[in-house]
Protein backbone atom coordinates (compact mmCIF):
# COMPACT_ATOMS: atom_id res chain seq x y z
CA MET A 1 20.30 58.31 35.69
CA THR A 2 17.08 56.34 35.33
CA GLN A 3 16.59 53.46 37.85
CA LYS A 4 16.03 50.22 35.77
CA ILE A 5 12.78 48.48 36.15
CA THR A 6 13.01 45.23 38.02
CA LEU A 7 11.78 42.14 35.86
CA LEU A 8 11.55 38.54 37.27
CA ALA A 9 12.39 36.20 34.28
CA LEU A 10 11.06 32.66 34.99
CA VAL A 11 11.99 31.14 31.99
CA ALA A 12 15.45 29.80 30.37
CA LEU A 13 16.59 32.40 27.66
CA ARG A 14 19.55 32.44 25.11
CA ALA A 15 22.69 34.17 26.23
CA GLN A 16 22.12 36.87 23.75
CA PHE A 17 18.48 37.51 24.88
CA LEU A 18 19.45 37.57 28.58
CA GLU A 19 22.07 40.29 27.68
CA GLN A 20 19.68 42.12 25.74
CA LEU A 21 17.24 42.06 28.59
CA ARG A 22 20.06 43.28 31.28
CA ALA A 23 20.58 46.23 29.00
CA LYS A 24 17.14 47.37 29.51
CA TYR A 25 16.06 46.05 32.91
CA ASP A 26 17.29 45.08 36.22
CA VAL A 27 16.88 41.29 35.70
CA ILE A 28 16.29 38.59 38.27
CA TYR A 29 16.91 35.58 36.56
CA ALA A 30 15.16 32.43 38.12
CA PRO A 31 14.30 29.63 35.43
CA LYS A 32 14.76 26.91 37.94
CA ASP A 33 12.03 26.17 40.78
CA ALA A 34 14.68 26.36 43.57
CA ASP A 35 15.96 30.09 42.32
CA ARG A 36 12.12 31.02 41.72
CA GLN A 37 11.10 30.34 45.51
CA ALA A 38 14.12 32.36 46.64
CA ALA A 39 13.91 35.11 44.15
CA VAL A 40 10.47 35.83 45.02
CA ALA A 41 11.07 35.57 48.69
CA GLN A 42 14.34 38.04 48.53
CA HIS A 43 13.29 40.20 45.64
CA GLY A 44 9.63 40.19 45.45
CA THR A 45 8.62 43.49 47.05
CA ARG A 46 10.73 45.40 44.06
CA VAL A 47 9.59 43.34 41.04
CA ARG A 48 7.50 45.39 38.90
CA ALA A 49 7.08 42.80 35.89
CA VAL A 50 7.31 38.89 35.31
CA MET A 51 8.30 37.27 32.48
CA THR A 52 6.71 33.37 32.16
CA MET A 53 5.14 31.15 29.97
CA GLY A 54 1.83 29.15 29.86
CA THR A 55 3.39 26.06 31.27
CA VAL A 56 5.40 27.81 33.85
CA GLY A 57 2.88 30.33 35.17
CA LEU A 58 2.69 32.31 38.32
CA THR A 59 0.61 31.59 41.31
CA GLY A 60 -1.67 33.74 43.27
CA GLN A 61 0.87 33.12 46.27
CA GLU A 62 3.60 34.65 44.20
CA ILE A 63 1.63 37.35 43.02
CA ALA A 64 0.40 38.58 46.56
CA ALA A 65 4.30 38.21 47.58
CA MET A 66 5.07 41.16 44.86
CA PRO A 67 3.11 44.07 46.01
CA ASN A 68 4.50 46.37 43.08
CA LEU A 69 4.18 43.98 40.37
CA GLU A 70 2.31 45.75 37.53
CA LEU A 71 2.93 43.53 34.24
CA ILE A 72 3.03 39.76 33.50
CA CYS A 73 4.08 38.55 30.13
CA THR A 74 4.11 35.24 28.82
CA LEU A 75 6.49 34.01 26.07
CA GLY A 76 4.12 32.28 23.39
CA VAL A 77 0.16 32.48 23.45
CA GLY A 78 -0.40 29.98 26.53
CA TYR A 79 -1.32 31.64 30.01
CA GLU A 80 -3.09 28.62 31.43
CA ARG A 81 -1.06 28.52 34.94
CA VAL A 82 -0.93 32.36 35.32
CA ASP A 83 -3.58 32.91 38.13
CA LEU A 84 -5.38 35.58 35.98
CA ALA A 85 -8.21 36.25 38.97
CA ALA A 86 -5.24 36.93 41.51
CA ALA A 87 -3.88 39.24 38.65
CA GLY A 88 -7.39 40.83 37.92
CA ALA A 89 -8.11 41.75 41.41
CA ARG A 90 -4.96 43.65 41.70
CA GLY A 91 -5.41 45.46 38.23
CA ILE A 92 -1.92 43.83 36.98
CA MET A 93 -1.86 43.92 33.29
CA VAL A 94 -1.39 40.53 31.69
CA ALA A 95 0.07 40.35 28.07
CA ASN A 96 1.21 37.29 25.95
CA GLY A 97 2.99 36.46 22.60
CA ALA A 98 -0.20 35.72 20.57
CA GLY A 99 1.01 34.97 17.15
CA THR A 100 4.65 34.80 17.65
CA ASN A 101 5.22 30.99 16.97
CA SER A 102 1.67 30.02 15.32
CA SER A 103 3.60 29.13 11.83
CA THR A 104 6.28 26.79 13.57
CA VAL A 105 3.40 25.00 15.73
CA ALA A 106 1.29 24.65 12.41
CA ASP A 107 4.22 23.34 10.79
CA HIS A 108 5.05 20.90 13.41
CA ALA A 109 1.35 19.93 13.53
CA PHE A 110 1.63 18.83 9.80
CA ALA A 111 4.90 17.03 10.22
CA LEU A 112 3.32 15.02 12.99
CA LEU A 113 0.00 14.45 10.91
CA LEU A 114 2.11 13.38 7.66
CA ALA A 115 4.71 10.98 9.77
CA VAL A 116 1.83 9.17 11.21
CA VAL A 117 -0.69 8.76 8.29
CA ARG A 118 2.44 7.94 5.92
CA GLY A 119 4.37 5.89 8.63
CA ILE A 120 7.19 7.65 8.43
CA VAL A 121 8.67 6.75 11.80
CA LYS A 122 7.97 2.92 11.34
CA LEU A 123 9.31 2.99 7.76
CA ASP A 124 12.42 4.49 8.63
CA ARG A 125 13.11 1.98 11.65
CA ALA A 126 12.58 -0.92 9.05
CA VAL A 127 14.84 0.58 6.63
CA ARG A 128 17.38 0.75 9.46
CA GLU A 129 16.72 -2.97 10.18
CA GLY A 130 17.46 -3.99 6.86
CA LEU A 131 13.83 -4.51 5.40
CA PHE A 132 12.71 -3.08 1.96
CA ARG A 133 8.99 -2.08 0.82
CA ASP A 134 8.00 -5.59 -0.40
CA THR A 135 8.23 -7.04 2.60
CA LEU A 136 6.48 -4.10 4.72
CA PRO A 137 2.61 -2.79 4.63
CA SER A 138 4.03 0.22 2.70
CA TYR A 139 0.67 1.37 1.11
CA MET A 140 -0.27 4.14 3.39
CA PRO A 141 -3.10 6.44 3.14
CA THR A 142 -2.77 9.91 1.60
CA VAL A 143 -3.35 13.21 3.54
CA CYS A 144 -4.45 14.76 0.15
CA GLY A 145 -8.13 15.26 -0.10
CA LYS A 146 -9.19 13.91 3.26
CA ARG A 147 -11.25 16.20 5.90
CA LEU A 148 -9.47 17.92 8.50
CA GLY A 149 -11.09 19.04 11.74
CA ILE A 150 -9.41 21.58 13.89
CA LEU A 151 -10.41 21.89 17.69
CA GLY A 152 -9.64 25.82 18.11
CA PHE A 153 -9.50 28.39 15.64
CA GLY A 154 -7.15 30.92 17.04
CA MET A 155 -3.76 32.05 15.06
CA ILE A 156 -2.62 28.61 15.17
CA GLY A 157 -5.62 26.84 13.83
CA ARG A 158 -6.04 29.27 11.05
CA GLN A 159 -2.39 28.76 10.03
CA ILE A 160 -3.05 24.91 10.16
CA ALA A 161 -6.29 25.45 7.74
CA ARG A 162 -4.01 27.38 5.36
CA ARG A 163 -1.46 24.56 5.08
CA ALA A 164 -4.54 22.15 4.70
CA ALA A 165 -5.60 24.09 1.76
CA GLY A 166 -2.15 23.20 0.02
CA PHE A 167 -3.19 19.51 0.47
CA ASP A 168 -6.58 20.11 -1.08
CA MET A 169 -8.28 19.08 2.34
CA GLU A 170 -11.62 20.11 3.39
CA VAL A 171 -11.56 22.00 6.59
CA GLY A 172 -13.95 22.04 9.62
CA TYR A 173 -13.44 23.44 13.04
CA TYR A 174 -14.98 23.93 16.62
CA SER A 175 -14.24 26.95 18.52
CA ARG A 176 -16.15 28.44 21.59
CA SER A 177 -17.66 30.95 18.76
CA ARG A 178 -18.10 30.71 15.32
CA ARG A 179 -15.94 32.89 13.13
CA ASP A 180 -17.61 34.76 10.20
CA ASP A 181 -14.12 34.82 8.23
CA ALA A 182 -13.05 31.34 8.69
CA GLY A 183 -13.61 30.34 5.24
CA CYS A 184 -14.75 26.57 6.47
CA ARG A 185 -17.31 24.72 8.22
CA TYR A 186 -18.12 25.22 11.90
CA PHE A 187 -19.37 22.54 13.91
CA ASP A 188 -21.36 23.08 17.30
CA THR A 189 -19.31 20.43 19.42
CA PRO A 190 -16.03 18.31 19.37
CA LEU A 191 -18.17 15.29 18.73
CA ASP A 192 -19.88 16.71 15.84
CA LEU A 193 -16.45 17.44 14.30
CA ALA A 194 -14.92 13.93 15.18
CA THR A 195 -17.87 12.39 13.48
CA TRP A 196 -17.35 14.47 10.26
CA CYS A 197 -13.60 14.48 9.88
CA ASP A 198 -10.75 11.87 8.81
CA TYR A 199 -8.09 13.39 10.65
CA LEU A 200 -8.57 15.89 13.96
CA ILE A 201 -5.75 18.30 15.23
CA ALA A 202 -6.37 19.81 18.81
CA ALA A 203 -5.18 23.67 18.68
CA VAL A 204 -7.10 24.97 21.82
CA PRO A 205 -5.76 26.66 24.84
CA GLY A 206 -5.07 24.70 27.87
CA GLY A 207 -6.90 24.85 31.03
CA VAL A 208 -10.32 23.53 32.76
CA ASP A 209 -12.48 24.45 30.30
CA THR A 210 -10.57 22.22 27.72
CA ARG A 211 -9.64 19.25 29.96
CA HIS A 212 -10.21 16.00 28.26
CA LEU A 213 -11.97 17.79 25.36
CA VAL A 214 -10.63 15.02 22.97
CA ASN A 215 -12.20 11.91 25.30
CA ALA A 216 -13.38 8.19 24.52
CA GLN A 217 -16.50 9.28 23.18
CA VAL A 218 -14.76 11.87 20.67
CA LEU A 219 -12.20 9.06 19.51
CA GLN A 220 -14.94 6.62 19.18
CA ALA A 221 -16.76 8.93 16.88
CA LEU A 222 -13.29 9.75 14.55
CA GLY A 223 -13.65 6.00 13.92
CA PRO A 224 -11.02 3.25 13.04
CA LYS A 225 -9.12 5.03 10.01
CA GLY A 226 -9.12 8.40 12.23
CA VAL A 227 -5.73 10.26 13.43
CA VAL A 228 -5.56 12.61 16.23
CA VAL A 229 -2.82 15.25 16.51
CA ASN A 230 -2.23 17.38 19.68
CA ILE A 231 -0.01 20.28 19.62
CA SER A 232 -2.14 22.34 22.14
CA ARG A 233 -1.74 21.12 25.56
CA GLY A 234 -1.39 17.65 27.06
CA SER A 235 -4.42 18.20 29.25
CA VAL A 236 -6.74 18.35 26.07
CA VAL A 237 -6.51 14.86 25.35
CA ASP A 238 -7.45 11.86 27.74
CA THR A 239 -4.45 9.90 27.74
CA ASP A 240 -5.92 6.72 29.06
CA ALA A 241 -8.87 6.97 26.49
CA LEU A 242 -6.37 7.70 23.77
CA ALA A 243 -4.06 4.50 24.70
CA GLU A 244 -6.94 2.29 24.83
CA ALA A 245 -8.28 3.63 21.51
CA LEU A 246 -4.91 2.98 19.95
CA ARG A 247 -4.55 -0.58 21.21
CA THR A 248 -8.02 -1.56 20.33
CA GLY A 249 -8.25 0.04 16.78
CA VAL A 250 -10.66 2.45 17.74
CA ILE A 251 -8.66 4.84 15.86
CA ALA A 252 -5.77 4.38 13.73
CA ALA A 253 -3.05 6.56 15.24
CA ALA A 254 -1.90 9.62 16.83
CA GLY A 255 0.63 12.20 17.17
CA LEU A 256 1.44 14.16 20.21
CA ASP A 257 3.79 16.91 20.75
CA VAL A 258 2.14 17.40 24.26
CA TYR A 259 0.78 15.18 26.96
CA GLU A 260 -0.46 15.00 30.49
CA SER A 261 2.67 13.43 32.19
CA GLU A 262 5.12 16.33 31.03
CA PRO A 263 8.16 16.38 31.48
CA GLN A 264 7.76 12.26 32.25
CA PRO A 265 6.89 10.15 29.10
CA PRO A 266 3.33 9.18 28.77
CA GLN A 267 3.82 5.92 29.85
CA PRO A 268 0.41 4.39 28.63
CA LEU A 269 1.47 5.21 25.11
CA ILE A 270 5.25 4.46 25.01
CA GLY A 271 4.73 0.53 23.87
CA LEU A 272 2.37 1.52 21.10
CA SER A 273 3.61 1.68 17.51
CA ASN A 274 0.85 3.58 16.15
CA VAL A 275 1.72 6.82 18.01
CA VAL A 276 4.41 9.62 17.21
CA LEU A 277 5.61 11.55 20.25
CA THR A 278 7.87 14.59 20.39
CA PRO A 279 9.02 16.51 23.58
CA HIS A 280 6.95 19.76 23.36
CA VAL A 281 8.92 21.44 20.91
CA ALA A 282 6.07 22.35 18.22
CA GLY A 283 6.62 26.10 18.89
CA ARG A 284 10.17 26.03 19.08
CA SER A 285 12.48 27.67 16.21
CA PRO A 286 15.12 30.17 16.21
CA GLU A 287 12.53 32.26 14.11
CA ALA A 288 9.84 31.77 16.96
CA ALA A 289 12.30 32.54 19.76
CA GLN A 290 13.12 35.87 18.31
CA ALA A 291 9.52 36.71 17.68
CA GLN A 292 8.78 36.00 21.21
CA PHE A 293 11.24 37.79 22.66
CA ASP A 294 10.85 40.90 20.43
CA ARG A 295 6.92 40.50 21.61
CA PHE A 296 7.99 40.76 25.02
CA LEU A 297 9.87 43.77 24.78
CA GLU A 298 7.31 45.33 22.58
CA ASN A 299 4.54 44.36 25.27
CA ALA A 300 7.04 45.70 28.31
CA GLU A 301 8.03 48.81 26.60
CA GLY A 302 4.66 49.52 25.67
CA TYR A 303 3.18 49.06 29.00
CA PHE A 304 5.83 51.16 30.87
CA SER A 305 5.81 53.87 28.46
CA GLY A 306 2.09 54.35 28.64
CA ARG A 307 1.38 53.46 25.08
CA GLY A 308 -0.19 49.98 26.11
CA VAL A 309 0.69 46.31 25.48
CA VAL A 310 0.81 44.71 21.97
CA SER A 311 -1.18 41.65 22.75
CA PRO A 312 -3.08 41.74 26.05
CA VAL A 313 -4.50 38.57 27.56
CA PRO A 314 -8.64 38.68 27.87
CA MET A 315 -8.92 38.47 31.58
CA SER A 316 -12.17 36.47 31.25
CA GLY A 317 -10.54 33.52 29.91
CA PRO A 318 -8.65 32.10 26.57
CA ALA A 319 -9.84 33.36 23.38
C-alpha cells in the first residue's frame, strides 16, 4: 500500500471536504493558531504539502521547520502572507486558487456599491423605525450610466467590469501594466483613475506594494459624490484617511468587506452612517468553496503526479 503524502491544513474546512482530503492524504488539521504551532513542531519534518490562504499565510520560520515541504497551496487567489522568498529559495512550488471565487467577489462588490449608492441599509433601518419615504431623503443617485474605476484588473477586476457593462457604466482601470484585451480605458496612476471616475472599487492583491493605495490624496480626487468599495485587502485603503473623508464630506460613502483591523471592527468607521461594512465574506459562497477545494485537489494532484499545478503563483510578486 502506497504511503499517503502528509498534508498540513491550516484553514478551517467543511466536514465533507475534510473527509475527502483524508481519503487522499495523511492530513494534519490545524486551523487554529495553537494547533498550528504544535503541528509544525511535532510533524514538520514529514510535511510535504501545506494548504493555507492569503490571510493565514505561511512564515519563513515555519517553512524552515518543514525540510521536506514541496508544495504550498492557497485557497483563493491571495497569498500575501506566504513567504515567497523563503519558498523560492528552497524551490518549493506555490500555487493558488486563482479565479475560483472571482464571480462571488464581483457579485459582492456590486452588492456593496448598490447598497451604498442607493442607501439600502439606511432605508431598511428607517422602515423598521416606522418611517416612510416622504420623511426621508429618498432621492438617491443611480449607479447606471456612471463612471466606474477599478483598481486592479485581474480575474476579479474583469468580472466587475463585466457586471458594470450591464449597468451601462463607462469603465476605467489601473493595474501594474496595461492589458491589451481590457476593452476599457487604462489609467497610469490610482490618482488619475480617481479623478476620472464616480465610483472606485479596489480589487488589487494585498501586500506592501498596494498598502494604502487608496489614500487621502486619492479620496480627495474622487470628490464629494464619490464612493469607494474595497473587496481586496484591508491594507489597500488607509482607514484613518477614509474615516476623515467620510466625516468631512470629502467623499459621499464607502462599502468595505475588508479592513485593516481584521478581525476586530474598524473603530474609526463604526459610528459613521455613510459606510456599509461586511466581515470579509465577499469570496464565500457554496459554489466558491467547492471550486476552491476542487482547485486545491487539481493543484496538489497535478504537482505530485508530475503534470504540474494548474495555477502557479508568480514568485516575483502578485500579478
